[in-house]
Protein backbone atom coordinates (compact mmCIF):
# COMPACT_ATOMS: atom_id res chain seq x y z
CA UNK A 1 64.54 74.26 30.76
CA UNK A 2 64.29 73.51 27.66
CA UNK A 3 65.68 70.43 28.33
CA UNK A 4 62.98 69.42 30.78
CA UNK A 5 59.82 70.81 29.14
CA UNK A 6 60.75 68.16 26.12
CA UNK A 7 60.96 65.30 28.75
CA UNK A 8 57.61 66.27 30.15
CA UNK A 9 56.38 66.34 26.70
CA UNK A 10 57.64 63.19 25.76
CA UNK A 11 56.27 61.71 28.76
CA UNK A 12 52.56 63.16 28.22
CA UNK A 13 53.02 61.76 24.51
CA UNK A 14 53.78 58.51 25.46
CA UNK A 15 51.00 58.21 28.10
CA UNK A 16 48.35 59.44 25.59
CA UNK A 17 49.76 56.78 22.86
CA UNK A 18 49.18 54.22 25.74
CA UNK A 19 45.72 55.35 26.36
CA UNK A 20 45.02 55.09 22.57
CA UNK A 21 46.25 51.69 22.01
CA UNK A 22 44.52 50.59 25.05
CA UNK A 23 41.34 52.17 23.81
CA UNK A 24 41.62 50.52 20.57
CA UNK A 25 42.18 46.73 22.19
CA UNK A 26 39.36 47.14 24.32
CA UNK A 27 37.15 48.10 21.64
CA UNK A 28 38.37 45.25 19.16
CA UNK A 29 38.05 42.73 22.21
CA UNK A 30 34.54 43.82 22.44
CA UNK A 31 33.66 43.82 18.62
CA UNK A 32 35.01 40.63 18.81
CA UNK A 33 32.95 39.14 21.55
CA UNK A 34 29.87 40.93 20.05
CA UNK A 35 30.80 38.77 16.59
CA UNK A 36 31.28 35.76 18.46
CA UNK A 37 27.79 36.00 19.81
CA UNK A 38 26.39 37.06 16.52
CA UNK A 39 28.34 33.65 14.81
CA UNK A 40 26.96 31.79 17.86
CA UNK A 41 23.41 33.32 17.10
CA UNK A 42 24.05 32.44 13.16
CA UNK A 43 25.43 28.43 14.28
CA UNK A 44 22.08 28.16 16.65
CA UNK A 45 19.73 29.41 14.15
CA UNK A 46 21.09 27.31 11.23
CA UNK A 47 20.76 24.09 14.00
CA UNK A 48 17.36 25.14 15.11
CA UNK A 49 16.45 25.56 10.97
CA UNK A 50 18.13 21.72 10.34
CA UNK A 51 15.98 20.17 13.58
CA UNK A 52 12.58 22.09 12.61
CA UNK A 53 13.13 20.34 8.90
CA UNK A 54 12.98 17.36 10.34
CA UNK A 55 8.98 15.74 10.42
CA UNK A 56 7.15 16.32 13.57
CA UNK A 57 5.83 12.91 13.94
CA UNK A 58 8.14 10.55 16.19
CA UNK A 59 7.18 7.12 14.05
CA UNK A 60 8.58 8.49 10.80
CA UNK A 61 11.42 5.73 9.19
CA UNK A 62 14.23 7.87 7.50
CA UNK A 63 14.96 5.77 4.49
CA UNK A 64 18.59 6.59 2.86
CA UNK A 65 18.97 5.79 -1.07
CA UNK A 66 19.56 2.28 -2.12
CA UNK A 67 19.93 0.70 -5.35
CA UNK A 68 18.54 -2.92 -6.27
CA UNK A 69 17.16 -4.63 -9.24
CA UNK A 70 13.54 -4.52 -9.23
CA UNK A 71 11.40 -7.37 -10.15
CA UNK A 72 8.02 -8.37 -10.60
CA UNK A 73 5.78 -11.61 -10.96
CA UNK A 74 3.92 -11.16 -14.63
CA UNK A 75 0.92 -13.51 -15.43
CA UNK A 76 1.14 -14.45 -18.75
CA UNK A 77 -2.41 -16.84 -19.11
CA UNK A 78 -5.09 -14.81 -19.52
CA UNK A 79 -7.01 -16.05 -22.68
CA UNK A 80 -10.01 -13.70 -24.17
CA UNK A 81 -11.99 -13.40 -26.83
CA UNK A 82 -14.40 -10.40 -26.98
CA UNK A 83 -16.13 -12.36 -29.35
CA UNK A 84 -17.29 -14.75 -27.21
CA UNK A 85 -17.09 -13.94 -23.88
CA UNK A 86 -18.88 -16.68 -22.60
CA UNK A 87 -17.12 -19.79 -23.47
CA UNK A 88 -14.89 -21.08 -20.77
CA UNK A 89 -12.41 -22.17 -23.53
CA UNK A 90 -11.65 -18.32 -24.74
CA UNK A 91 -11.92 -17.29 -21.40
CA UNK A 92 -9.66 -17.67 -18.96
CA UNK A 93 -10.93 -15.20 -16.45
CA UNK A 94 -14.48 -16.65 -16.65
CA UNK A 95 -12.99 -20.28 -16.50
CA UNK A 96 -11.09 -19.54 -13.31
CA UNK A 97 -13.77 -17.01 -11.68
CA UNK A 98 -11.27 -14.13 -11.62
CA UNK A 99 -12.95 -11.33 -10.30
CA UNK A 100 -11.05 -8.32 -11.52
CA UNK A 101 -11.42 -6.00 -13.84
CA UNK A 102 -7.79 -4.81 -14.79
CA UNK A 103 -7.10 -1.34 -16.60
CA UNK A 104 -6.59 -1.25 -20.15
CA UNK A 105 -4.51 0.78 -22.63
CA UNK A 106 -7.53 3.20 -23.37
CA UNK A 107 -7.98 4.17 -19.61
CA UNK A 108 -11.02 1.56 -19.31
CA UNK A 109 -11.58 -1.00 -17.12
CA UNK A 110 -12.13 -4.80 -18.90
CA UNK A 111 -10.55 -8.10 -19.49
CA UNK A 112 -7.73 -8.66 -21.98
CA UNK A 113 -6.10 -11.22 -23.79
CA UNK A 114 -2.02 -11.73 -22.75
CA UNK A 115 -1.05 -12.05 -26.08
CA UNK A 116 -2.56 -8.99 -27.11
CA UNK A 117 0.37 -6.61 -28.55
CA UNK A 118 -1.03 -3.49 -27.54
CA UNK A 119 -1.92 -4.70 -24.26
CA UNK A 120 1.83 -5.70 -23.85
CA UNK A 121 3.41 -2.43 -24.80
CA UNK A 122 0.85 -0.71 -22.40
CA UNK A 123 1.94 -3.09 -19.44
CA UNK A 124 5.59 -2.18 -20.45
CA UNK A 125 4.98 1.22 -20.11
CA UNK A 126 3.64 1.30 -16.80
CA UNK A 127 6.10 -1.05 -15.42
CA UNK A 128 9.11 0.90 -16.93
CA UNK A 129 7.51 4.09 -15.50
CA UNK A 130 7.41 2.67 -12.23
CA UNK A 131 10.94 1.82 -12.07
CA UNK A 132 10.73 -1.82 -12.49
CA UNK A 133 13.78 -3.78 -14.12
CA UNK A 134 12.50 -6.93 -15.03
CA UNK A 135 9.15 -9.58 -15.01
CA UNK A 136 9.49 -13.24 -14.04
CA UNK A 137 6.91 -14.70 -16.43
CA UNK A 138 4.98 -17.44 -14.70
CA UNK A 139 5.00 -20.34 -16.39
CA UNK A 140 5.04 -22.74 -13.17
CA UNK A 141 1.95 -24.69 -14.47
CA UNK A 142 3.92 -26.59 -16.96
CA UNK A 143 5.58 -24.76 -19.91
CA UNK A 144 3.41 -26.52 -22.75
CA UNK A 145 -0.16 -26.97 -20.18
CA UNK A 146 -3.22 -26.35 -22.17
CA UNK A 147 -1.56 -27.20 -25.68
CA UNK A 148 0.69 -24.34 -25.29
CA UNK A 149 -1.25 -21.36 -24.78
CA UNK A 150 0.86 -19.91 -21.76
CA UNK A 151 3.93 -20.47 -23.64
CA UNK A 152 3.05 -18.97 -27.10
CA UNK A 153 2.02 -15.72 -24.72
CA UNK A 154 5.09 -15.55 -23.04
CA UNK A 155 6.77 -15.73 -26.23
CA UNK A 156 4.57 -12.92 -27.48
CA UNK A 157 5.79 -10.83 -24.27
CA UNK A 158 9.29 -11.47 -24.72
CA UNK A 159 9.34 -10.50 -28.52
CA UNK A 160 7.31 -7.23 -27.41
CA UNK A 161 10.20 -6.54 -25.11
CA UNK A 162 12.91 -6.97 -27.37
CA UNK A 163 10.57 -4.71 -29.73
CA UNK A 164 10.55 -2.40 -26.80
CA UNK A 165 14.52 -2.40 -26.05
CA UNK A 166 15.11 -1.83 -29.64
CA UNK A 167 13.04 1.25 -30.43
CA UNK A 168 15.49 3.00 -27.58
CA UNK A 169 13.01 2.91 -24.43
CA UNK A 170 13.80 2.48 -20.85
CA UNK A 171 14.92 -1.03 -21.15
CA UNK A 172 13.17 -3.92 -19.08
CA UNK A 173 14.29 -7.78 -19.16
CA UNK A 174 12.22 -10.80 -18.76
CA UNK A 175 13.08 -13.91 -17.52
CA UNK A 176 10.95 -17.52 -16.71
CA UNK A 177 9.58 -19.00 -13.36
CA UNK A 178 8.64 -23.20 -14.22
CA UNK A 179 7.39 -25.34 -11.87
CA UNK A 180 6.43 -28.79 -13.04
CA UNK A 181 8.32 -30.24 -10.25
CA UNK A 182 5.27 -29.83 -8.08
CA UNK A 183 3.59 -32.66 -9.65
CA UNK A 184 6.87 -34.84 -10.61
CA UNK A 185 9.90 -34.06 -7.54
CA UNK A 186 12.49 -34.92 -9.87
CA UNK A 187 15.65 -32.88 -11.01
CA UNK A 188 15.12 -34.17 -14.71
CA UNK A 189 12.14 -32.34 -14.83
CA UNK A 190 13.83 -29.48 -14.03
CA UNK A 191 16.49 -30.18 -16.76
CA UNK A 192 13.96 -30.68 -19.42
CA UNK A 193 11.64 -27.55 -18.78
CA UNK A 194 15.18 -25.67 -19.18
CA UNK A 195 15.78 -27.26 -22.41
CA UNK A 196 12.40 -25.70 -23.76
CA UNK A 197 13.16 -22.50 -22.27
CA UNK A 198 16.78 -22.34 -23.72
CA UNK A 199 15.53 -23.12 -27.22
CA UNK A 200 12.71 -20.66 -27.41
CA UNK A 201 14.03 -17.57 -25.72
CA UNK A 202 18.21 -17.87 -25.27
CA UNK A 203 18.62 -18.75 -28.97
CA UNK A 204 16.31 -16.35 -30.35
CA UNK A 205 16.94 -12.54 -31.16
CA UNK A 206 14.52 -11.91 -27.98
CA UNK A 207 16.91 -13.44 -26.06
CA UNK A 208 19.38 -10.62 -25.56
CA UNK A 209 16.58 -8.99 -23.43
CA UNK A 210 16.79 -12.02 -21.14
CA UNK A 211 17.70 -11.18 -17.47
CA UNK A 212 21.01 -12.25 -15.93
CA UNK A 213 22.36 -12.54 -12.25
CA UNK A 214 25.80 -13.40 -12.06
CA UNK A 215 26.52 -13.36 -15.71
CA UNK A 216 23.86 -15.77 -16.58
CA UNK A 217 20.06 -15.90 -17.24
CA UNK A 218 18.11 -16.14 -14.07
CA UNK A 219 15.66 -19.31 -13.85
CA UNK A 220 13.59 -19.22 -11.00
CA UNK A 221 12.25 -22.90 -10.09
CA UNK A 222 8.66 -22.93 -7.86
CA UNK A 223 8.06 -26.23 -5.76
CA UNK A 224 8.24 -27.26 -1.98
CA UNK A 225 11.57 -28.45 -1.80
CA UNK A 226 12.81 -27.97 -4.82
CA UNK A 227 16.20 -27.18 -4.05
CA UNK A 228 16.99 -30.24 -2.09
CA UNK A 229 15.13 -32.18 -5.16
CA UNK A 230 17.85 -30.34 -7.62
CA UNK A 231 20.70 -31.73 -4.81
CA UNK A 232 19.80 -34.76 -4.74
CA UNK A 233 19.82 -35.04 -8.48
CA UNK A 234 22.88 -33.62 -8.91
CA UNK A 235 24.71 -36.01 -6.02
CA UNK A 236 22.89 -38.69 -7.81
CA UNK A 237 25.04 -38.02 -11.38
CA UNK A 238 22.14 -36.29 -12.88
CA UNK A 239 22.48 -34.63 -16.43
CA UNK A 240 22.57 -30.73 -15.98
CA UNK A 241 23.80 -30.15 -19.37
CA UNK A 242 21.32 -27.11 -20.07
CA UNK A 243 20.66 -26.23 -16.48
CA UNK A 244 24.52 -25.18 -15.61
CA UNK A 245 23.70 -22.43 -18.35
CA UNK A 246 21.52 -20.63 -15.65
CA UNK A 247 21.75 -18.96 -12.37
CA UNK A 248 19.05 -21.15 -10.16
CA UNK A 249 17.06 -19.14 -7.74
CA UNK A 250 14.21 -20.68 -5.61
CA UNK A 251 10.23 -19.82 -5.11
CA UNK A 252 7.85 -21.96 -2.34
CA UNK A 253 5.38 -21.31 0.27
CA UNK A 254 7.45 -21.58 3.18
CA UNK A 255 8.27 -17.66 3.37
CA UNK A 256 11.78 -18.16 3.23
CA UNK A 257 14.75 -15.61 3.28
CA UNK A 258 16.47 -14.84 -0.06
CA UNK A 259 13.83 -17.14 -2.11
CA UNK A 260 11.71 -15.22 -4.91
CA UNK A 261 8.30 -16.16 -3.84
CA UNK A 262 5.86 -17.18 -3.61
CA UNK A 263 2.81 -16.56 -0.73
CA UNK A 264 4.91 -15.09 1.90
CA UNK A 265 2.06 -15.72 4.61
CA UNK A 266 4.69 -15.27 7.38
CA UNK A 267 5.83 -11.72 5.86
CA UNK A 268 8.70 -10.35 4.09
CA UNK A 269 11.79 -11.65 5.04
CA UNK A 270 14.67 -9.85 5.15
CA UNK A 271 17.77 -10.92 3.30
CA UNK A 272 20.93 -8.72 1.74
CA UNK A 273 20.42 -10.81 -1.59
CA UNK A 274 16.32 -10.75 -2.35
CA UNK A 275 13.53 -9.76 -0.43
CA UNK A 276 9.89 -10.44 -1.45
CA UNK A 277 6.82 -8.03 -1.21
CA UNK A 278 3.35 -8.49 -1.30
CA UNK A 279 -0.07 -7.32 -0.96
CA UNK A 280 -1.85 -10.15 0.14
CA UNK A 281 -2.73 -13.55 -1.44
CA UNK A 282 -5.63 -15.66 -1.29
CA UNK A 283 -5.88 -18.12 -3.78
CA UNK A 284 -9.25 -19.39 -2.79
CA UNK A 285 -7.96 -23.28 -2.62
CA UNK A 286 -8.60 -24.02 1.32
CA UNK A 287 -5.33 -21.96 2.70
CA UNK A 288 -5.41 -19.52 5.16
CA UNK A 289 -5.83 -16.20 3.17
CA UNK A 290 -3.22 -13.22 3.88
CA UNK A 291 -5.73 -10.03 3.92
CA UNK A 292 -4.98 -7.05 2.49
CA UNK A 293 -6.20 -4.76 4.72
CA UNK A 294 -6.48 -1.67 2.81
CA UNK A 295 -2.86 -1.57 2.15
CA UNK A 296 -1.70 -2.35 5.71
CA UNK A 297 0.14 -6.16 4.35
CA UNK A 298 1.72 -4.57 1.59
CA UNK A 299 2.82 -1.27 3.64
CA UNK A 300 4.34 -3.60 6.07
CA UNK A 301 6.33 -5.64 3.76
CA UNK A 302 7.90 -2.75 2.28
CA UNK A 303 8.55 -1.76 5.76
CA UNK A 304 10.86 -4.53 6.09
CA UNK A 305 13.06 -3.70 3.17
CA UNK A 306 13.26 -0.03 4.35
CA UNK A 307 14.31 -1.52 7.79
CA UNK A 308 16.93 -4.07 6.63
CA UNK A 309 20.41 -3.72 8.18
CA UNK A 310 21.43 -4.13 4.50
CA UNK A 311 19.87 -3.17 1.49
CA UNK A 312 18.89 -6.29 -0.81
CA UNK A 313 20.79 -6.26 -3.85
CA UNK A 314 17.06 -7.48 -5.64
CA UNK A 315 13.59 -7.02 -4.55
CA UNK A 316 10.76 -8.87 -6.36
CA UNK A 317 7.39 -8.35 -6.08
CA UNK A 318 4.21 -10.52 -6.12
CA UNK A 319 2.83 -9.83 -8.38
CA UNK A 320 1.90 -7.45 -11.35
CA UNK A 321 -1.33 -9.22 -12.48
CA UNK A 322 -1.97 -12.50 -10.73
CA UNK A 323 -5.50 -11.92 -10.37
CA UNK A 324 -6.32 -15.42 -9.77
CA UNK A 325 -4.55 -15.48 -6.30
CA UNK A 326 -5.15 -12.18 -5.35
CA UNK A 327 -1.74 -10.66 -5.54
CA UNK A 328 -1.85 -8.33 -8.40
CA UNK A 329 -0.83 -4.87 -7.82
CA UNK A 330 -1.73 -3.14 -11.17
CA UNK A 331 -4.59 -0.97 -11.28
CA UNK A 332 -7.93 -2.81 -11.30
CA UNK A 333 -11.76 -2.97 -10.03
CA UNK A 334 -12.96 -5.47 -7.68
CA UNK A 335 -15.94 -5.39 -5.90
CA UNK A 336 -15.20 -8.98 -4.11
CA UNK A 337 -12.32 -7.31 -2.15
CA UNK A 338 -13.57 -3.88 -1.17
CA UNK A 339 -13.94 -0.31 -2.12
CA UNK A 340 -10.02 0.30 -2.34
CA UNK A 341 -9.41 2.66 -5.26
CA UNK A 342 -8.58 0.36 -8.26
CA UNK A 343 -4.98 2.39 -8.39
CA UNK A 344 -4.27 2.21 -4.71
CA UNK A 345 -1.55 -0.43 -4.87
CA UNK A 346 0.16 0.68 -8.01
CA UNK A 347 0.57 4.36 -6.23
CA UNK A 348 1.88 2.35 -3.31
CA UNK A 349 4.33 0.58 -5.72
CA UNK A 350 5.65 3.56 -7.57
CA UNK A 351 5.83 5.68 -4.82
CA UNK A 352 7.66 2.57 -2.53
CA UNK A 353 10.16 2.39 -5.67
CA UNK A 354 10.89 5.82 -5.79
CA UNK A 355 11.21 6.16 -1.76
CA UNK A 356 13.68 3.47 -1.59
CA UNK A 357 15.98 4.86 -4.51
CA UNK A 358 15.99 8.28 -3.74
CA UNK A 359 15.57 7.96 -0.10
CA UNK A 360 13.00 10.17 2.03
CA UNK A 361 10.71 9.54 5.19
CA UNK A 362 8.65 6.28 5.30
CA UNK A 363 5.16 6.58 7.66
CA UNK A 364 4.60 2.98 8.79
CA UNK A 365 1.04 4.21 9.66
CA UNK A 366 0.27 5.73 6.21
CA UNK A 367 -0.08 3.48 2.76
CA UNK A 368 1.67 6.22 0.99
CA UNK A 369 5.13 7.75 1.63
CA UNK A 370 5.73 11.41 3.13
CA UNK A 371 6.26 13.30 0.28
């Protein structure tokens, strides 16, 4: 009997253990399912959170961060004598009937002389804070035109840039654009102007701040057909001793992809090397103007940059202060061209540069990018 009782107890213990283990497995399975559901809910919540972070508007364009050197055309020809403002010989603003009053270093609006050091330093501060890397000094109406009044002011700007950089500020560079071939379509004219540039800038202390492309100082040549003019000159055995020291680039009025300017009346052209953006254009000489339309043209110009298959290596803005042909983006008052805020285009410029470099969302229907 003892032996039989032990067997029964053993069977009972075995069944009890099996039931206990089965119960534990059922509980563990239930807990696993619950955990899986919780994980799925958390994951779904994360996905929903990510989706809700995207802007609701369907027309916004995603801009990925990119890098490029950003340059801007810069006018160096403004003569102005506040003691004799009515003398057109001393006041280019009046002589050219320029209908803008740009912002001055003290925050007021008025006229200035391009050679004024305080004014130049103010511009350099504005340019570097906006994220601009180099300026293209416009000397396209002959380097020594008007007894050298443009050249004198260009050299003053170059000296100030070198002083600015030497002081440890955020660096900025400069280069020059020439254009005598507009009147004398011959490659020798290019070489002759480059000799002047080389001696006035690169052989001076301020030549250290000259902007370089492909290991050489950049030279922009303006004039329709300039690239072919230079090729023909070279093919004919023309001398290019000084020009060979530069990286040559071109500008004209044909809206060509990869050129550095000028009036892109057909809109900004996408190019992996360089793209030009501008707010509008009106040289008041009979050509069909490119209306600004309260920032619409400028916004569409940058849209081409933001949607390019490959981000350009260089972006060129036309222009900082070319008020004579109405391409300037720096803050200025003007009644002639509507009632836009004086800093509209400068704010657009700063925010679009930031958007290009940091990424974010571009609204093609709004002058300013999404913050």
